[in-house]
């Protein structure tokens, strides 16, 4: 009987596409160089490897893929128009918009190819190693070089100068999730100790990062995964985790201190005293007004107020592409939830379902169409995986 081997090219591409940047983000500080050349080099590697994946593997396009690519066709039309006629009104470098768009589209095509279960399990293992490295290294940076602030001020911690608080918190969230599902799968294995350590490390770094989004995303995905796998996630394990948590809070009071900021920020969400939320509300209002002024074709890829993205992909779609692009974004949002939930059901794929669903939740209040790099190719890959799951 021939043993199935992972597709090395697909493993290389998908691993780097998903969390290559988080890993290389530490090297600019380590080497004393700027981060931009390093990130550009990674993008080129991912782009080239994605092209080779497309050339060496047959794509399997579905109707949902065509819907997804039509959405991006509309976005590229808007990007072309703004590049040709209104570049002076765009604050961010227009080249970044194009380079990220090309990277996303090539990655989406590469993710329409057939990925075997063995390939995806291998990717999951590599990602787990990368996430451990990122979280340990980030925690080490915060321990050895803490920011000097007054004792009564709670601060948010980056992983490094290139990995901001939100990105750092997101890596911690996916580390926790992968360790969680792996612990349920291999609960009688010696590796369960490693998974428990990963969950504790991830949870601590989420609190240290002080970002609301990753914590809320984690709560949502764990709740959904528990619902989908209700027989596997037994009450005794939930009770055991609760008891361990109480014990840790008493043994390590600093752990509880680290959690104060994120819960404080959750409690202040939407309050007028929260300047960050006020600014985001102004961006949302600006995006909506721009859509109302240009409902059929959209207005621009950035808000007129502040020249930023509105931190809501659906509203950004209405602003940039008008009524058609906005409605398509809503359809895609619903598809993400349905397909992500289906993919959660198979262990080899479930980490992708977790990434897709967490990014879908996150897209409501963070990121933009062009810089939310994972949600589009992961959806493209999950579409075919959900079909495979349905045949089992």
Protein backbone atom coordinates (compact mmCIF):
# COMPACT_ATOMS: atom_id res chain seq x y z
CA UNK A 1 0.00 0.00 0.00
CA UNK A 2 1.48 3.33 -1.08
CA UNK A 3 1.64 5.97 1.63
CA UNK A 4 0.25 9.36 0.63
CA UNK A 5 2.91 12.06 0.58
CA UNK A 6 2.30 15.77 1.06
CA UNK A 7 2.70 18.06 -1.92
CA UNK A 8 5.91 19.89 -0.95
CA UNK A 9 5.27 22.87 -3.22
CA UNK A 10 1.76 23.38 -1.83
CA UNK A 11 3.07 22.99 1.73
CA UNK A 12 5.75 25.62 1.12
CA UNK A 13 3.32 28.05 -0.51
CA UNK A 14 0.47 27.69 1.98
CA UNK A 15 2.70 27.82 5.08
CA UNK A 16 4.44 31.01 3.96
CA UNK A 17 1.21 32.57 2.71
CA UNK A 18 -0.53 32.02 6.04
CA UNK A 19 2.11 32.93 8.63
CA UNK A 20 5.38 33.58 6.84
CA UNK A 21 5.21 37.31 7.57
CA UNK A 22 4.72 36.78 11.31
CA UNK A 23 7.89 34.67 11.37
CA UNK A 24 10.10 37.00 9.32
CA UNK A 25 8.82 40.08 11.17
CA UNK A 26 11.45 39.47 13.85
CA UNK A 27 14.41 39.57 11.50
CA UNK A 28 14.54 43.32 10.67
CA UNK A 29 15.16 44.13 14.35
CA UNK A 30 17.57 41.23 14.66
CA UNK A 31 19.57 42.30 11.59
CA UNK A 32 19.19 46.03 12.14
CA UNK A 33 17.49 46.70 8.80
CA UNK A 34 14.16 48.16 7.66
CA UNK A 35 11.17 45.83 7.61
CA UNK A 36 9.78 46.82 4.18
CA UNK A 37 12.47 45.10 2.03
CA UNK A 38 12.04 41.91 4.06
CA UNK A 39 8.25 41.93 3.70
CA UNK A 40 8.51 42.66 -0.04
CA UNK A 41 10.93 39.74 -0.46
CA UNK A 42 8.44 37.45 1.30
CA UNK A 43 5.61 38.66 -0.93
CA UNK A 44 7.67 37.89 -4.02
CA UNK A 45 8.45 34.38 -2.74
CA UNK A 46 4.78 33.70 -1.96
CA UNK A 47 3.73 35.13 -5.34
CA UNK A 48 6.23 33.01 -7.31
CA UNK A 49 5.46 29.84 -5.37
CA UNK A 50 1.73 30.48 -5.86
CA UNK A 51 2.26 30.77 -9.62
CA UNK A 52 4.12 27.45 -9.63
CA UNK A 53 1.30 25.83 -7.65
CA UNK A 54 -1.16 26.97 -10.34
CA UNK A 55 1.09 25.74 -13.16
CA UNK A 56 1.79 22.34 -11.62
CA UNK A 57 -1.69 21.53 -10.23
CA UNK A 58 -5.11 21.57 -11.87
CA UNK A 59 -7.47 24.26 -10.63
CA UNK A 60 -11.02 23.31 -9.63
CA UNK A 61 -13.24 26.35 -10.02
CA UNK A 62 -16.82 26.39 -8.73
CA UNK A 63 -19.65 28.90 -9.07
CA UNK A 64 -18.68 30.38 -5.71
CA UNK A 65 -15.14 30.91 -6.99
CA UNK A 66 -16.51 32.82 -9.97
CA UNK A 67 -18.55 34.97 -7.58
CA UNK A 68 -15.42 35.65 -5.53
CA UNK A 69 -13.35 36.57 -8.57
CA UNK A 70 -16.12 38.79 -9.92
CA UNK A 71 -16.04 40.70 -6.63
CA UNK A 72 -12.29 41.20 -7.10
CA UNK A 73 -12.80 42.20 -10.73
CA UNK A 74 -15.02 45.05 -9.51
CA UNK A 75 -12.43 46.05 -6.94
CA UNK A 76 -9.67 46.11 -9.56
CA UNK A 77 -11.83 48.33 -11.76
CA UNK A 78 -12.14 50.77 -8.86
CA UNK A 79 -8.41 50.52 -8.17
CA UNK A 80 -7.59 51.16 -11.83
CA UNK A 81 -9.90 54.19 -11.92
CA UNK A 82 -8.38 55.68 -8.76
CA UNK A 83 -4.87 54.98 -10.01
CA UNK A 84 -5.50 56.65 -13.36
CA UNK A 85 -7.59 59.64 -12.31
CA UNK A 86 -7.61 60.27 -8.56
CA UNK A 87 -4.19 59.14 -7.27
CA UNK A 88 -3.65 62.52 -5.57
CA UNK A 89 -6.60 61.76 -3.28
CA UNK A 90 -5.13 58.42 -2.12
CA UNK A 91 -2.92 58.64 0.96
CA UNK A 92 -1.45 55.12 1.07
CA UNK A 93 1.09 54.19 -1.65
CA UNK A 94 -0.94 53.08 -4.67
CA UNK A 95 1.74 50.48 -5.45
CA UNK A 96 0.89 48.73 -2.19
CA UNK A 97 -2.74 48.44 -3.25
CA UNK A 98 -1.70 46.82 -6.52
CA UNK A 99 0.96 44.51 -5.06
CA UNK A 100 -1.37 43.23 -2.34
CA UNK A 101 -4.19 42.77 -4.85
CA UNK A 102 -2.00 40.75 -7.22
CA UNK A 103 -0.72 38.65 -4.32
CA UNK A 104 -4.25 37.94 -3.11
CA UNK A 105 -5.55 37.03 -6.57
CA UNK A 106 -2.65 34.69 -7.37
CA UNK A 107 -3.03 33.10 -3.92
CA UNK A 108 -6.75 32.60 -4.53
CA UNK A 109 -6.04 30.83 -7.83
CA UNK A 110 -3.39 28.66 -6.17
CA UNK A 111 -5.87 27.75 -3.45
CA UNK A 112 -8.38 26.46 -6.01
CA UNK A 113 -6.05 23.52 -6.68
CA UNK A 114 -6.62 20.21 -4.93
CA UNK A 115 -4.91 20.01 -1.51
CA UNK A 116 -4.73 16.53 -0.05
CA UNK A 117 -5.48 15.83 3.60
CA UNK A 118 -1.86 14.84 4.18
CA UNK A 119 -0.68 18.13 2.69
CA UNK A 120 -2.97 20.15 4.95
CA UNK A 121 -1.97 18.20 8.06
CA UNK A 122 1.67 18.92 7.22
CA UNK A 123 0.87 22.61 6.79
CA UNK A 124 -0.92 22.60 10.15
CA UNK A 125 2.15 21.12 11.84
CA UNK A 126 4.50 23.69 10.28
CA UNK A 127 2.16 26.51 11.22
CA UNK A 128 2.01 25.26 14.79
CA UNK A 129 5.81 25.38 15.00
CA UNK A 130 5.87 28.89 13.51
CA UNK A 131 3.20 30.13 15.93
CA UNK A 132 5.11 28.72 18.89
CA UNK A 133 8.25 30.53 17.71
CA UNK A 134 6.38 33.81 17.15
CA UNK A 135 4.63 33.71 20.52
CA UNK A 136 7.70 32.68 22.52
CA UNK A 137 9.89 35.23 20.75
CA UNK A 138 7.27 37.96 21.16
CA UNK A 139 6.87 37.19 24.85
CA UNK A 140 10.67 37.19 25.26
CA UNK A 141 10.85 40.64 23.65
CA UNK A 142 8.25 41.98 26.06
CA UNK A 143 9.98 40.47 29.08
CA UNK A 144 13.51 41.57 28.21
CA UNK A 145 12.63 45.01 26.83
CA UNK A 146 9.46 46.19 28.57
CA UNK A 147 8.12 49.66 27.87
CA UNK A 148 8.76 52.06 30.74
CA UNK A 149 5.46 53.60 31.79
CA UNK A 150 3.87 54.76 35.07
CA UNK A 151 2.62 51.93 37.27
CA UNK A 152 -1.00 53.00 36.96
CA UNK A 153 -1.09 52.81 33.15
CA UNK A 154 -1.95 49.60 31.31
CA UNK A 155 -0.25 49.24 27.93
CA UNK A 156 -0.64 47.01 24.89
CA UNK A 157 2.38 44.97 23.83
CA UNK A 158 3.61 44.33 20.28
CA UNK A 159 5.34 41.12 19.26
CA UNK A 160 8.09 43.29 17.76
CA UNK A 161 8.41 46.60 15.93
CA UNK A 162 6.79 45.08 12.80
CA UNK A 163 4.18 42.88 14.47
CA UNK A 164 1.61 45.22 15.99
CA UNK A 165 -0.71 44.45 18.87
CA UNK A 166 -3.58 43.23 16.69
CA UNK A 167 -1.37 40.95 14.55
CA UNK A 168 0.41 39.65 17.64
CA UNK A 169 -2.93 38.92 19.29
CA UNK A 170 -4.19 37.13 16.17
CA UNK A 171 -1.17 34.80 16.11
CA UNK A 172 -1.83 34.01 19.78
CA UNK A 173 -5.49 33.31 19.02
CA UNK A 174 -4.78 30.82 16.24
CA UNK A 175 -2.07 29.19 18.39
CA UNK A 176 -4.64 28.64 21.12
CA UNK A 177 -7.20 27.31 18.63
CA UNK A 178 -4.88 24.83 16.92
CA UNK A 179 -3.60 23.58 20.28
CA UNK A 180 -7.20 23.29 21.50
CA UNK A 181 -8.40 21.16 18.58
CA UNK A 182 -5.19 19.11 18.68
CA UNK A 183 -5.63 18.45 22.39
CA UNK A 184 -9.12 17.13 21.75
CA UNK A 185 -7.80 14.92 18.95
CA UNK A 186 -4.76 13.57 20.83
CA UNK A 187 -5.87 13.95 24.46
CA UNK A 188 -4.23 10.65 25.48
CA UNK A 189 -0.97 11.45 23.71
CA UNK A 190 2.19 12.79 25.39
CA UNK A 191 1.96 15.75 23.01
CA UNK A 192 -1.06 16.91 25.03
CA UNK A 193 1.39 18.63 27.40
CA UNK A 194 2.74 20.67 24.48
CA UNK A 195 -0.80 21.62 23.43
CA UNK A 196 -1.72 22.73 26.96
CA UNK A 197 1.43 24.89 27.11
CA UNK A 198 0.52 26.38 23.73
CA UNK A 199 -2.98 27.26 24.94
CA UNK A 200 -1.62 28.95 28.06
CA UNK A 201 1.03 30.82 26.06
CA UNK A 202 -1.50 31.93 23.46
CA UNK A 203 -4.02 33.11 26.03
CA UNK A 204 -1.41 35.07 27.98
CA UNK A 205 -0.16 36.82 24.85
CA UNK A 206 -3.73 37.72 23.84
CA UNK A 207 -4.07 39.53 27.14
CA UNK A 208 -0.62 41.13 26.84
CA UNK A 209 -1.48 42.40 23.34
CA UNK A 210 -4.59 44.00 24.83
CA UNK A 211 -6.56 43.76 21.58
CA UNK A 212 -10.30 43.17 21.82
CA UNK A 213 -10.73 41.65 18.37
CA UNK A 214 -8.58 38.52 18.77
CA UNK A 215 -10.15 37.66 22.15
CA UNK A 216 -13.69 38.08 20.80
CA UNK A 217 -12.77 36.01 17.72
CA UNK A 218 -11.38 33.27 19.96
CA UNK A 219 -14.54 33.15 22.07
CA UNK A 220 -16.69 32.94 18.92
CA UNK A 221 -14.65 30.18 17.26
CA UNK A 222 -14.30 28.06 20.41
CA UNK A 223 -18.05 28.33 21.00
CA UNK A 224 -18.82 27.37 17.40
CA UNK A 225 -16.31 24.51 17.39
CA UNK A 226 -17.80 23.21 20.65
CA UNK A 227 -21.28 23.31 19.09
CA UNK A 228 -20.11 21.47 15.95
CA UNK A 229 -18.19 18.85 17.98
CA UNK A 230 -20.48 18.68 20.99
CA UNK A 231 -19.78 14.96 21.53
CA UNK A 232 -16.01 15.45 21.43
CA UNK A 233 -15.88 18.50 23.70
CA UNK A 234 -17.15 16.95 26.89
CA UNK A 235 -18.33 18.89 29.93
CA UNK A 236 -15.60 17.41 32.12
CA UNK A 237 -12.90 19.00 29.93
CA UNK A 238 -14.59 22.40 30.14
CA UNK A 239 -14.86 22.02 33.92
CA UNK A 240 -11.22 20.94 34.15
CA UNK A 241 -10.10 23.95 32.10
CA UNK A 242 -12.12 26.24 34.39
CA UNK A 243 -10.51 24.76 37.53
CA UNK A 244 -7.01 25.03 36.03
CA UNK A 245 -7.72 28.65 35.11
CA UNK A 246 -8.79 29.52 38.66
CA UNK A 247 -5.68 27.84 40.08
CA UNK A 248 -3.38 29.71 37.68
CA UNK A 249 -4.97 33.07 38.51
CA UNK A 250 -4.23 32.43 42.18
CA UNK A 251 -0.70 31.13 41.64
CA UNK A 252 0.27 33.85 39.17
CA UNK A 253 -1.47 37.14 40.01
CA UNK A 254 0.48 38.88 37.21
CA UNK A 255 -1.48 36.75 34.73
CA UNK A 256 -4.69 38.33 36.00
CA UNK A 257 -3.10 41.77 35.80
CA UNK A 258 -2.25 41.17 32.14
CA UNK A 259 -5.91 40.53 31.35
CA UNK A 260 -7.18 43.81 32.78
CA UNK A 261 -6.50 45.96 29.73
CA UNK A 262 -8.31 43.83 27.17
CA UNK A 263 -11.43 43.54 29.35
CA UNK A 264 -11.26 47.24 30.10
CA UNK A 265 -11.19 47.98 26.35
CA UNK A 266 -14.11 45.61 25.75
CA UNK A 267 -16.07 47.42 28.46
CA UNK A 268 -15.36 50.78 26.85
CA UNK A 269 -16.42 49.67 23.35
CA UNK A 270 -18.71 52.28 21.85
CA UNK A 271 -18.33 54.69 24.77
CA UNK A 272 -17.83 58.32 23.79
CA UNK A 273 -14.74 58.44 26.01
CA UNK A 274 -13.00 55.92 23.76
CA UNK A 275 -11.20 58.07 21.17
CA UNK A 276 -10.29 55.08 19.00
CA UNK A 277 -13.93 54.03 18.68
CA UNK A 278 -14.94 57.63 17.99
CA UNK A 279 -12.48 57.81 15.11
CA UNK A 280 -13.68 54.50 13.68
CA UNK A 281 -17.29 55.69 13.91
CA UNK A 282 -16.31 58.78 11.90
CA UNK A 283 -14.67 56.57 9.26
CA UNK A 284 -17.79 54.40 9.03
CA UNK A 285 -19.97 57.47 8.63
CA UNK A 286 -17.67 58.88 5.96
CA UNK A 287 -17.73 55.57 4.02
CA UNK A 288 -21.52 55.37 4.18
CA UNK A 289 -21.96 58.95 3.03
CA UNK A 290 -19.59 58.33 0.13
CA UNK A 291 -21.70 55.35 -0.90
CA UNK A 292 -24.91 57.41 -0.69
CA UNK A 293 -23.31 60.06 -2.90
CA UNK A 294 -22.20 57.45 -5.47
CA UNK A 295 -24.52 54.44 -5.00
CA UNK A 296 -24.07 52.78 -8.40
CA UNK A 297 -20.32 52.76 -9.02
CA UNK A 298 -18.89 53.66 -5.62
CA UNK A 299 -16.63 56.56 -4.75
CA UNK A 300 -13.04 55.60 -3.80
CA UNK A 301 -10.81 52.99 -2.17
CA UNK A 302 -10.25 55.28 0.83
CA UNK A 303 -12.52 57.39 3.00
CA UNK A 304 -12.60 61.10 2.26
CA UNK A 305 -12.27 61.73 5.99
CA UNK A 306 -8.80 60.71 7.15
CA UNK A 307 -7.88 58.88 3.93
CA UNK A 308 -8.14 55.46 5.56
CA UNK A 309 -10.17 52.29 5.29
CA UNK A 310 -13.41 52.23 7.32
CA UNK A 311 -12.45 49.10 9.31
CA UNK A 312 -15.45 47.23 7.97
CA UNK A 313 -15.06 45.25 4.76
CA UNK A 314 -18.77 45.20 3.91
CA UNK A 315 -19.14 48.97 4.26
CA UNK A 316 -15.85 49.45 2.40
CA UNK A 317 -17.25 47.38 -0.46
CA UNK A 318 -20.30 49.64 -0.72
CA UNK A 319 -18.03 52.71 -0.60
CA UNK A 320 -15.56 51.47 -3.22
CA UNK A 321 -17.76 49.47 -5.60
CA UNK A 322 -21.29 50.70 -5.08
CA UNK A 323 -24.44 48.66 -4.60
CA UNK A 324 -23.30 45.59 -6.58
CA UNK A 325 -19.98 45.23 -4.77
CA UNK A 326 -21.62 45.87 -1.42
CA UNK A 327 -24.29 43.22 -1.93
CA UNK A 328 -21.65 40.78 -3.15
CA UNK A 329 -19.66 41.36 0.03
CA UNK A 330 -22.71 40.46 2.12
CA UNK A 331 -23.19 37.25 0.11
CA UNK A 332 -19.49 36.40 0.54
CA UNK A 333 -19.75 37.12 4.26
CA UNK A 334 -22.63 34.62 4.56
CA UNK A 335 -20.74 32.08 2.42
CA UNK A 336 -17.73 32.44 4.74
CA UNK A 337 -19.83 31.46 7.74
CA UNK A 338 -21.48 28.48 6.03
CA UNK A 339 -18.32 27.09 4.44
CA UNK A 340 -16.14 27.86 7.46
CA UNK A 341 -18.52 25.91 9.69
CA UNK A 342 -18.46 22.94 7.29
CA UNK A 343 -14.65 22.92 7.19
CA UNK A 344 -14.54 22.91 11.00
CA UNK A 345 -15.97 19.40 10.96
CA UNK A 346 -12.80 17.72 9.59
CA UNK A 347 -9.70 17.82 11.79
CA UNK A 348 -7.23 18.14 8.90
CA UNK A 349 -9.12 21.19 7.60
CA UNK A 350 -10.47 22.68 10.82
CA UNK A 351 -7.59 25.11 11.36
CA UNK A 352 -8.51 26.72 8.01
CA UNK A 353 -12.14 26.94 9.09
CA UNK A 354 -10.94 28.63 12.26
CA UNK A 355 -8.84 31.17 10.36
CA UNK A 356 -11.68 31.89 7.92
CA UNK A 357 -14.31 32.36 10.60
CA UNK A 358 -12.10 34.43 12.89
CA UNK A 359 -11.13 36.72 10.02
CA UNK A 360 -14.79 37.00 9.04
CA UNK A 361 -15.65 38.17 12.55
CA UNK A 362 -12.61 40.46 12.56
CA UNK A 363 -13.54 42.02 9.21
CA UNK A 364 -16.50 43.73 10.89
CA UNK A 365 -14.25 46.04 12.89
CA UNK A 366 -10.73 45.79 11.46
CA UNK A 367 -8.75 45.50 8.26
CA UNK A 368 -9.65 46.30 4.69
CA UNK A 369 -10.32 44.44 1.45
CA UNK A 370 -6.73 44.66 0.29
CA UNK A 371 -4.81 44.22 3.54
CA UNK A 372 -6.87 41.37 4.97
CA UNK A 373 -4.60 38.98 3.11
CA UNK A 374 -5.80 35.62 4.45
CA UNK A 375 -9.57 35.74 4.27
CA UNK A 376 -9.75 35.61 0.45
CA UNK A 377 -7.35 32.71 -0.36
CA UNK A 378 -8.49 30.73 2.69
CA UNK A 379 -12.09 31.04 1.46
CA UNK A 380 -10.95 29.95 -2.01
CA UNK A 381 -9.34 26.83 -0.52
CA UNK A 382 -12.20 26.13 1.88
CA UNK A 383 -14.78 26.13 -0.92
CA UNK A 384 -13.34 22.94 -2.41
CA UNK A 385 -12.64 21.42 1.01
CA UNK A 386 -16.27 21.89 2.03
CA UNK A 387 -17.34 19.97 -1.10
CA UNK A 388 -14.92 17.16 -0.25
CA UNK A 389 -16.27 17.06 3.28
CA UNK A 390 -19.79 16.83 1.99
CA UNK A 391 -18.93 13.64 0.04
CA UNK A 392 -17.57 11.85 3.10
